[in-house]
Amino acid sequence: MERVVPWERTYLRSLGSQQGNSHLHWHIAPLPPGTPYRRQQFHALMLENGVLRWSAEEAAALGQRIRAAVEA
């Protein structure tokens, strides 16, 4: 991920449960370069502070770049 997306810091979260629908999935969230320190950490993960909006095309293009980096 860090080879494909410019980043200041990368957050990695694992979510899932052993109860009900046992599963595990990862959220990998690169923080944009230049983000002031006071807006990192928990501030960056709080929805009330905003989210980056991506179109389906942008998300697909990012997925293709990540896939190519993993395969390389």
PDB file of N, CA and C in Angstrom:
ATOM      1  N   MET A   1       0.830  -1.192   0.000  1.00  0.00           N
ATOM      2  CA  MET A   1       0.000   0.000   0.000  1.00  0.00           C
ATOM      3  C   MET A   1       0.873   1.254   0.000  1.00  0.00           C
ATOM      4  N   GLU A   2       1.917   1.235   0.834  1.00  0.00           N
ATOM      5  CA  GLU A   2       2.759   2.425   0.956  1.00  0.00           C
ATOM      6  C   GLU A   2       3.597   2.682  -0.293  1.00  0.00           C
ATOM      7  N   ARG A   3       3.771   1.676  -1.154  1.00  0.00           N
ATOM      8  CA  ARG A   3       4.480   1.891  -2.419  1.00  0.00           C
ATOM      9  C   ARG A   3       3.569   2.542  -3.455  1.00  0.00           C
ATOM     10  N   VAL A   4       2.265   2.468  -3.251  1.00  0.00           N
ATOM     11  CA  VAL A   4       1.297   2.932  -4.243  1.00  0.00           C
ATOM     12  C   VAL A   4       0.689   4.285  -3.875  1.00  0.00           C
ATOM     13  N   VAL A   5       0.463   4.528  -2.601  1.00  0.00           N
ATOM     14  CA  VAL A   5      -0.253   5.727  -2.148  1.00  0.00           C
ATOM     15  C   VAL A   5       0.688   6.613  -1.336  1.00  0.00           C
ATOM     16  N   PRO A   6       0.793   7.901  -1.694  1.00  0.00           N
ATOM     17  CA  PRO A   6       1.591   8.819  -0.861  1.00  0.00           C
ATOM     18  C   PRO A   6       1.003   8.844   0.550  1.00  0.00           C
ATOM     19  N   TRP A   7       1.858   8.864   1.564  1.00  0.00           N
ATOM     20  CA  TRP A   7       1.349   8.741   2.925  1.00  0.00           C
ATOM     21  C   TRP A   7       2.199   9.505   3.915  1.00  0.00           C
ATOM     22  N   GLU A   8       1.575   9.938   4.960  1.00  0.00           N
ATOM     23  CA  GLU A   8       2.231  10.540   6.119  1.00  0.00           C
ATOM     24  C   GLU A   8       2.416   9.466   7.185  1.00  0.00           C
ATOM     25  N   ARG A   9       1.396   8.646   7.315  1.00  0.00           N
ATOM     26  CA  ARG A   9       1.356   7.553   8.287  1.00  0.00           C
ATOM     27  C   ARG A   9       0.293   6.582   7.795  1.00  0.00           C
ATOM     28  N   THR A  10       0.433   5.316   8.112  1.00  0.00           N
ATOM     29  CA  THR A  10      -0.571   4.335   7.704  1.00  0.00           C
ATOM     30  C   THR A  10      -1.224   3.736   8.938  1.00  0.00           C
ATOM     31  N   TYR A  11      -2.550   3.715   8.937  1.00  0.00           N
ATOM     32  CA  TYR A  11      -3.309   3.100  10.020  1.00  0.00           C
ATOM     33  C   TYR A  11      -3.785   1.737   9.559  1.00  0.00           C
ATOM     34  N   LEU A  12      -3.628   0.737  10.403  1.00  0.00           N
ATOM     35  CA  LEU A  12      -4.063  -0.616  10.111  1.00  0.00           C
ATOM     36  C   LEU A  12      -4.984  -1.054  11.241  1.00  0.00           C
ATOM     37  N   ARG A  13      -6.208  -1.412  10.885  1.00  0.00           N
ATOM     38  CA  ARG A  13      -7.188  -1.853  11.879  1.00  0.00           C
ATOM     39  C   ARG A  13      -7.729  -3.207  11.448  1.00  0.00           C
ATOM     40  N   SER A  14      -7.868  -4.091  12.402  1.00  0.00           N
ATOM     41  CA  SER A  14      -8.507  -5.369  12.098  1.00  0.00           C
ATOM     42  C   SER A  14      -9.846  -5.404  12.811  1.00  0.00           C
ATOM     43  N   LEU A  15     -10.853  -5.845  12.092  1.00  0.00           N
ATOM     44  CA  LEU A  15     -12.203  -5.926  12.631  1.00  0.00           C
ATOM     45  C   LEU A  15     -12.731  -7.326  12.404  1.00  0.00           C
ATOM     46  N   GLY A  16     -13.587  -7.750  13.255  1.00  0.00           N
ATOM     47  CA  GLY A  16     -14.191  -9.064  13.099  1.00  0.00           C
ATOM     48  C   GLY A  16     -14.696  -9.553  14.444  1.00  0.00           C
ATOM     49  N   SER A  17     -15.244 -10.725  14.446  1.00  0.00           N
ATOM     50  CA  SER A  17     -15.832 -11.273  15.657  1.00  0.00           C
ATOM     51  C   SER A  17     -15.810 -12.789  15.606  1.00  0.00           C
ATOM     52  N   GLN A  18     -15.655 -13.420  16.728  1.00  0.00           N
ATOM     53  CA  GLN A  18     -15.778 -14.872  16.823  1.00  0.00           C
ATOM     54  C   GLN A  18     -17.227 -15.269  17.077  1.00  0.00           C
ATOM     55  N   GLN A  19     -18.076 -14.280  17.330  1.00  0.00           N
ATOM     56  CA  GLN A  19     -19.486 -14.540  17.602  1.00  0.00           C
ATOM     57  C   GLN A  19     -20.287 -14.299  16.334  1.00  0.00           C
ATOM     58  N   GLY A  20     -21.293 -15.087  16.126  1.00  0.00           N
ATOM     59  CA  GLY A  20     -22.142 -14.891  14.944  1.00  0.00           C
ATOM     60  C   GLY A  20     -21.406 -15.220  13.674  1.00  0.00           C
ATOM     61  N   ASN A  21     -21.145 -14.237  12.866  1.00  0.00           N
ATOM     62  CA  ASN A  21     -20.479 -14.407  11.575  1.00  0.00           C
ATOM     63  C   ASN A  21     -18.974 -14.255  11.776  1.00  0.00           C
ATOM     64  N   SER A  22     -18.300 -15.344  12.144  1.00  0.00           N
ATOM     65  CA  SER A  22     -16.857 -15.278  12.403  1.00  0.00           C
ATOM     66  C   SER A  22     -16.112 -14.846  11.150  1.00  0.00           C
ATOM     67  N   HIS A  23     -15.371 -13.764  11.263  1.00  0.00           N
ATOM     68  CA  HIS A  23     -14.612 -13.265  10.122  1.00  0.00           C
ATOM     69  C   HIS A  23     -13.557 -12.284  10.608  1.00  0.00           C
ATOM     70  N   LEU A  24     -12.700 -11.930   9.722  1.00  0.00           N
ATOM     71  CA  LEU A  24     -11.690 -10.927   9.978  1.00  0.00           C
ATOM     72  C   LEU A  24     -11.493 -10.130   8.699  1.00  0.00           C
ATOM     73  N   HIS A  25     -11.456  -8.830   8.816  1.00  0.00           N
ATOM     74  CA  HIS A  25     -11.087  -8.025   7.659  1.00  0.00           C
ATOM     75  C   HIS A  25     -10.236  -6.859   8.132  1.00  0.00           C
ATOM     76  N   TRP A  26      -9.462  -6.336   7.218  1.00  0.00           N
ATOM     77  CA  TRP A  26      -8.499  -5.290   7.535  1.00  0.00           C
ATOM     78  C   TRP A  26      -8.910  -3.980   6.888  1.00  0.00           C
ATOM     79  N   HIS A  27      -8.679  -2.907   7.596  1.00  0.00           N
ATOM     80  CA  HIS A  27      -8.810  -1.558   7.052  1.00  0.00           C
ATOM     81  C   HIS A  27      -7.403  -0.980   7.033  1.00  0.00           C
ATOM     82  N   ILE A  28      -6.917  -0.659   5.853  1.00  0.00           N
ATOM     83  CA  ILE A  28      -5.598  -0.047   5.701  1.00  0.00           C
ATOM     84  C   ILE A  28      -5.849   1.373   5.220  1.00  0.00           C
ATOM     85  N   ALA A  29      -5.491   2.334   6.045  1.00  0.00           N
ATOM     86  CA  ALA A  29      -5.837   3.725   5.759  1.00  0.00           C
ATOM     87  C   ALA A  29      -4.586   4.598   5.754  1.00  0.00           C
ATOM     88  N   PRO A  30      -4.081   4.962   4.570  1.00  0.00           N
ATOM     89  CA  PRO A  30      -2.949   5.874   4.521  1.00  0.00           C
ATOM     90  C   PRO A  30      -3.418   7.304   4.788  1.00  0.00           C
ATOM     91  N   LEU A  31      -2.730   7.974   5.665  1.00  0.00           N
ATOM     92  CA  LEU A  31      -3.040   9.369   5.985  1.00  0.00           C
ATOM     93  C   LEU A  31      -2.353  10.250   4.950  1.00  0.00           C
ATOM     94  N   PRO A  32      -3.067  11.202   4.341  1.00  0.00           N
ATOM     95  CA  PRO A  32      -2.461  12.025   3.285  1.00  0.00           C
ATOM     96  C   PRO A  32      -1.208  12.762   3.763  1.00  0.00           C
ATOM     97  N   PRO A  33      -0.234  12.934   2.868  1.00  0.00           N
ATOM     98  CA  PRO A  33       0.992  13.659   3.220  1.00  0.00           C
ATOM     99  C   PRO A  33       0.682  15.075   3.696  1.00  0.00           C
ATOM    100  N   GLY A  34       1.468  15.546   4.631  1.00  0.00           N
ATOM    101  CA  GLY A  34       1.320  16.911   5.117  1.00  0.00           C
ATOM    102  C   GLY A  34       0.236  17.099   6.162  1.00  0.00           C
ATOM    103  N   THR A  35      -0.425  16.039   6.588  1.00  0.00           N
ATOM    104  CA  THR A  35      -1.451  16.166   7.625  1.00  0.00           C
ATOM    105  C   THR A  35      -0.781  16.613   8.919  1.00  0.00           C
ATOM    106  N   PRO A  36      -1.230  17.732   9.489  1.00  0.00           N
ATOM    107  CA  PRO A  36      -0.612  18.203  10.732  1.00  0.00           C
ATOM    108  C   PRO A  36      -0.742  17.147  11.835  1.00  0.00           C
ATOM    109  N   TYR A  37       0.248  17.088  12.701  1.00  0.00           N
ATOM    110  CA  TYR A  37       0.265  16.079  13.758  1.00  0.00           C
ATOM    111  C   TYR A  37      -1.011  16.112  14.598  1.00  0.00           C
ATOM    112  N   ARG A  38      -1.532  17.293  14.893  1.00  0.00           N
ATOM    113  CA  ARG A  38      -2.733  17.405  15.736  1.00  0.00           C
ATOM    114  C   ARG A  38      -3.959  16.780  15.063  1.00  0.00           C
ATOM    115  N   ARG A  39      -3.892  16.556  13.738  1.00  0.00           N
ATOM    116  CA  ARG A  39      -5.009  15.954  13.018  1.00  0.00           C
ATOM    117  C   ARG A  39      -4.738  14.491  12.675  1.00  0.00           C
ATOM    118  N   GLN A  40      -3.711  13.915  13.275  1.00  0.00           N
ATOM    119  CA  GLN A  40      -3.418  12.497  13.080  1.00  0.00           C
ATOM    120  C   GLN A  40      -3.994  11.712  14.253  1.00  0.00           C
ATOM    121  N   GLN A  41      -3.602  10.474  14.376  1.00  0.00           N
ATOM    122  CA  GLN A  41      -4.044   9.587  15.441  1.00  0.00           C
ATOM    123  C   GLN A  41      -5.561   9.413  15.389  1.00  0.00           C
ATOM    124  N   PHE A  42      -6.243   9.529  16.510  1.00  0.00           N
ATOM    125  CA  PHE A  42      -7.682   9.275  16.554  1.00  0.00           C
ATOM    126  C   PHE A  42      -8.477  10.297  15.744  1.00  0.00           C
ATOM    127  N   HIS A  43      -7.993  11.522  15.660  1.00  0.00           N
ATOM    128  CA  HIS A  43      -8.688  12.557  14.895  1.00  0.00           C
ATOM    129  C   HIS A  43      -8.913  12.104  13.459  1.00  0.00           C
ATOM    130  N   ALA A  44      -7.893  11.451  12.874  1.00  0.00           N
ATOM    131  CA  ALA A  44      -7.981  11.017  11.482  1.00  0.00           C
ATOM    132  C   ALA A  44      -8.968   9.878  11.284  1.00  0.00           C
ATOM    133  N   LEU A  45      -9.295   9.148  12.341  1.00  0.00           N
ATOM    134  CA  LEU A  45     -10.196   8.004  12.236  1.00  0.00           C
ATOM    135  C   LEU A  45     -11.642   8.337  12.599  1.00  0.00           C
ATOM    136  N   MET A  46     -11.910   9.556  13.031  1.00  0.00           N
ATOM    137  CA  MET A  46     -13.255   9.940  13.476  1.00  0.00           C
ATOM    138  C   MET A  46     -14.065  10.486  12.300  1.00  0.00           C
ATOM    139  N   LEU A  47     -15.186   9.851  12.006  1.00  0.00           N
ATOM    140  CA  LEU A  47     -16.012  10.247  10.858  1.00  0.00           C
ATOM    141  C   LEU A  47     -16.465  11.703  10.925  1.00  0.00           C
ATOM    142  N   GLU A  48     -16.684  12.219  12.120  1.00  0.00           N
ATOM    143  CA  GLU A  48     -17.157  13.609  12.223  1.00  0.00           C
ATOM    144  C   GLU A  48     -16.122  14.621  11.741  1.00  0.00           C
ATOM    145  N   ASN A  49     -14.894  14.190  11.533  1.00  0.00           N
ATOM    146  CA  ASN A  49     -13.860  15.077  11.007  1.00  0.00           C
ATOM    147  C   ASN A  49     -13.754  15.005   9.489  1.00  0.00           C
ATOM    148  N   GLY A  50     -14.655  14.251   8.865  1.00  0.00           N
ATOM    149  CA  GLY A  50     -14.707  14.177   7.411  1.00  0.00           C
ATOM    150  C   GLY A  50     -14.089  12.904   6.871  1.00  0.00           C
ATOM    151  N   VAL A  51     -14.457  12.587   5.667  1.00  0.00           N
ATOM    152  CA  VAL A  51     -13.915  11.424   4.971  1.00  0.00           C
ATOM    153  C   VAL A  51     -13.553  11.846   3.553  1.00  0.00           C
ATOM    154  N   LEU A  52     -12.651  11.101   2.938  1.00  0.00           N
ATOM    155  CA  LEU A  52     -12.315  11.353   1.549  1.00  0.00           C
ATOM    156  C   LEU A  52     -13.360  10.678   0.678  1.00  0.00           C
ATOM    157  N   ARG A  53     -13.925  11.387  -0.251  1.00  0.00           N
ATOM    158  CA  ARG A  53     -14.930  10.827  -1.158  1.00  0.00           C
ATOM    159  C   ARG A  53     -14.235  10.315  -2.406  1.00  0.00           C
ATOM    160  N   TRP A  54     -14.537   9.081  -2.786  1.00  0.00           N
ATOM    161  CA  TRP A  54     -13.953   8.452  -3.957  1.00  0.00           C
ATOM    162  C   TRP A  54     -15.065   7.987  -4.858  1.00  0.00           C
ATOM    163  N   SER A  55     -14.862   8.163  -6.152  1.00  0.00           N
ATOM    164  CA  SER A  55     -15.812   7.607  -7.114  1.00  0.00           C
ATOM    165  C   SER A  55     -15.483   6.127  -7.302  1.00  0.00           C
ATOM    166  N   ALA A  56     -16.392   5.393  -7.890  1.00  0.00           N
ATOM    167  CA  ALA A  56     -16.151   3.973  -8.178  1.00  0.00           C
ATOM    168  C   ALA A  56     -14.950   3.822  -9.110  1.00  0.00           C
ATOM    169  N   GLU A  57     -14.782   4.748 -10.037  1.00  0.00           N
ATOM    170  CA  GLU A  57     -13.663   4.689 -10.975  1.00  0.00           C
ATOM    171  C   GLU A  57     -12.334   4.913 -10.254  1.00  0.00           C
ATOM    172  N   GLU A  58     -12.295   5.881  -9.337  1.00  0.00           N
ATOM    173  CA  GLU A  58     -11.073   6.134  -8.575  1.00  0.00           C
ATOM    174  C   GLU A  58     -10.709   4.930  -7.715  1.00  0.00           C
ATOM    175  N   ALA A  59     -11.706   4.329  -7.082  1.00  0.00           N
ATOM    176  CA  ALA A  59     -11.469   3.159  -6.239  1.00  0.00           C
ATOM    177  C   ALA A  59     -10.955   1.985  -7.076  1.00  0.00           C
ATOM    178  N   ALA A  60     -11.533   1.787  -8.256  1.00  0.00           N
ATOM    179  CA  ALA A  60     -11.091   0.697  -9.138  1.00  0.00           C
ATOM    180  C   ALA A  60      -9.654   0.928  -9.596  1.00  0.00           C
ATOM    181  N   ALA A  61      -9.310   2.162  -9.934  1.00  0.00           N
ATOM    182  CA  ALA A  61      -7.950   2.478 -10.378  1.00  0.00           C
ATOM    183  C   ALA A  61      -6.945   2.234  -9.247  1.00  0.00           C
ATOM    184  N   LEU A  62      -7.303   2.619  -8.029  1.00  0.00           N
ATOM    185  CA  LEU A  62      -6.428   2.360  -6.892  1.00  0.00           C
ATOM    186  C   LEU A  62      -6.269   0.859  -6.683  1.00  0.00           C
ATOM    187  N   GLY A  63      -7.350   0.119  -6.773  1.00  0.00           N
ATOM    188  CA  GLY A  63      -7.281  -1.330  -6.636  1.00  0.00           C
ATOM    189  C   GLY A  63      -6.354  -1.951  -7.659  1.00  0.00           C
ATOM    190  N   GLN A  64      -6.396  -1.457  -8.888  1.00  0.00           N
ATOM    191  CA  GLN A  64      -5.520  -1.986  -9.939  1.00  0.00           C
ATOM    192  C   GLN A  64      -4.053  -1.674  -9.636  1.00  0.00           C
ATOM    193  N   ARG A  65      -3.769  -0.460  -9.134  1.00  0.00           N
ATOM    194  CA  ARG A  65      -2.394  -0.108  -8.797  1.00  0.00           C
ATOM    195  C   ARG A  65      -1.882  -0.955  -7.635  1.00  0.00           C
ATOM    196  N   ILE A  66      -2.708  -1.183  -6.629  1.00  0.00           N
ATOM    197  CA  ILE A  66      -2.314  -2.014  -5.497  1.00  0.00           C
ATOM    198  C   ILE A  66      -2.074  -3.449  -5.957  1.00  0.00           C
ATOM    199  N   ARG A  67      -2.982  -3.975  -6.767  1.00  0.00           N
ATOM    200  CA  ARG A  67      -2.839  -5.344  -7.279  1.00  0.00           C
ATOM    201  C   ARG A  67      -1.520  -5.490  -8.047  1.00  0.00           C
ATOM    202  N   ALA A  68      -1.199  -4.522  -8.900  1.00  0.00           N
ATOM    203  CA  ALA A  68       0.038  -4.578  -9.679  1.00  0.00           C
ATOM    204  C   ALA A  68       1.258  -4.555  -8.756  1.00  0.00           C
ATOM    205  N   ALA A  69       1.212  -3.753  -7.691  1.00  0.00           N
ATOM    206  CA  ALA A  69       2.344  -3.684  -6.752  1.00  0.00           C
ATOM    207  C   ALA A  69       2.506  -4.995  -5.996  1.00  0.00           C
ATOM    208  N   VAL A  70       1.413  -5.616  -5.615  1.00  0.00           N
ATOM    209  CA  VAL A  70       1.471  -6.896  -4.899  1.00  0.00           C
ATOM    210  C   VAL A  70       2.037  -7.983  -5.807  1.00  0.00           C
ATOM    211  N   GLU A  71       1.618  -7.980  -7.056  1.00  0.00           N
ATOM    212  CA  GLU A  71       2.083  -8.997  -7.998  1.00  0.00           C
ATOM    213  C   GLU A  71       3.546  -8.815  -8.392  1.00  0.00           C
ATOM    214  N   ALA A  72       4.043  -7.567  -8.257  1.00  0.00           N
ATOM    215  CA  ALA A  72       5.441  -7.269  -8.643  1.00  0.00           C
ATOM    216  C   ALA A  72       6.385  -7.772  -7.640  1.00  0.00           C
TER     217      ALA A  72
END
